[in-house]
Amino acid sequence: MSCLICERIAMIKSGQNPYFVSELPTGYVALADSQYFHGYTLFLA
């Protein structure tokens, strides 16, 4: 079983993450699955 972050990155790489925003040189930016605060984003290193 892989970690949650690894699963999210794999989804981004396969084009299956609808929350993906952008790829940066050191990681990925994605919207959070749960939007408690509107526009809450995550950086996945």
Protein backbone atom coordinates (compact mmCIF):
# COMPACT_ATOMS: atom_id res chain seq x y z
CA MET A 1 0.00 0.00 0.00
CA SER A 2 1.41 3.41 -0.96
CA CYS A 3 1.05 6.67 0.92
CA LEU A 4 -1.80 9.10 0.20
CA ILE A 5 0.52 11.69 -1.34
CA CYS A 6 2.08 9.06 -3.63
CA GLU A 7 -1.42 8.03 -4.74
CA ARG A 8 -2.34 11.66 -5.51
CA ILE A 9 0.84 12.19 -7.53
CA ALA A 10 0.21 8.97 -9.47
CA MET A 11 -3.32 10.21 -10.25
CA ILE A 12 -1.89 13.53 -11.49
CA LYS A 13 0.66 11.79 -13.72
CA SER A 14 -2.04 9.55 -15.23
CA GLY A 15 -4.41 12.50 -15.80
CA GLN A 16 -7.03 11.23 -13.35
CA ASN A 17 -6.87 13.91 -10.64
CA PRO A 18 -9.61 16.50 -11.29
CA TYR A 19 -8.11 18.78 -8.60
CA PHE A 20 -4.71 19.14 -10.30
CA VAL A 21 -3.68 22.78 -10.89
CA SER A 22 -0.04 22.92 -11.98
CA GLU A 23 3.28 21.10 -12.06
CA LEU A 24 6.26 22.99 -10.64
CA PRO A 25 9.98 22.05 -10.75
CA THR A 26 9.81 20.62 -7.20
CA GLY A 27 6.25 19.25 -6.98
CA TYR A 28 2.58 19.61 -7.84
CA VAL A 29 -0.14 22.07 -6.87
CA ALA A 30 -3.67 20.72 -6.41
CA LEU A 31 -6.91 21.91 -4.88
CA ALA A 32 -7.78 20.16 -1.64
CA ASP A 33 -10.47 17.46 -1.93
CA SER A 34 -12.37 19.08 0.93
CA GLN A 35 -12.90 22.81 0.48
CA TYR A 36 -13.49 24.01 4.06
CA PHE A 37 -11.83 27.25 2.92
CA HIS A 38 -12.76 28.13 -0.69
CA GLY A 39 -9.71 27.67 -2.94
CA TYR A 40 -7.63 25.78 -0.37
CA THR A 41 -4.61 24.33 -2.19
CA LEU A 42 -1.94 21.76 -1.43
CA PHE A 43 1.67 21.47 -2.57
CA LEU A 44 2.70 17.84 -3.10
CA ALA A 45 6.47 17.55 -3.04
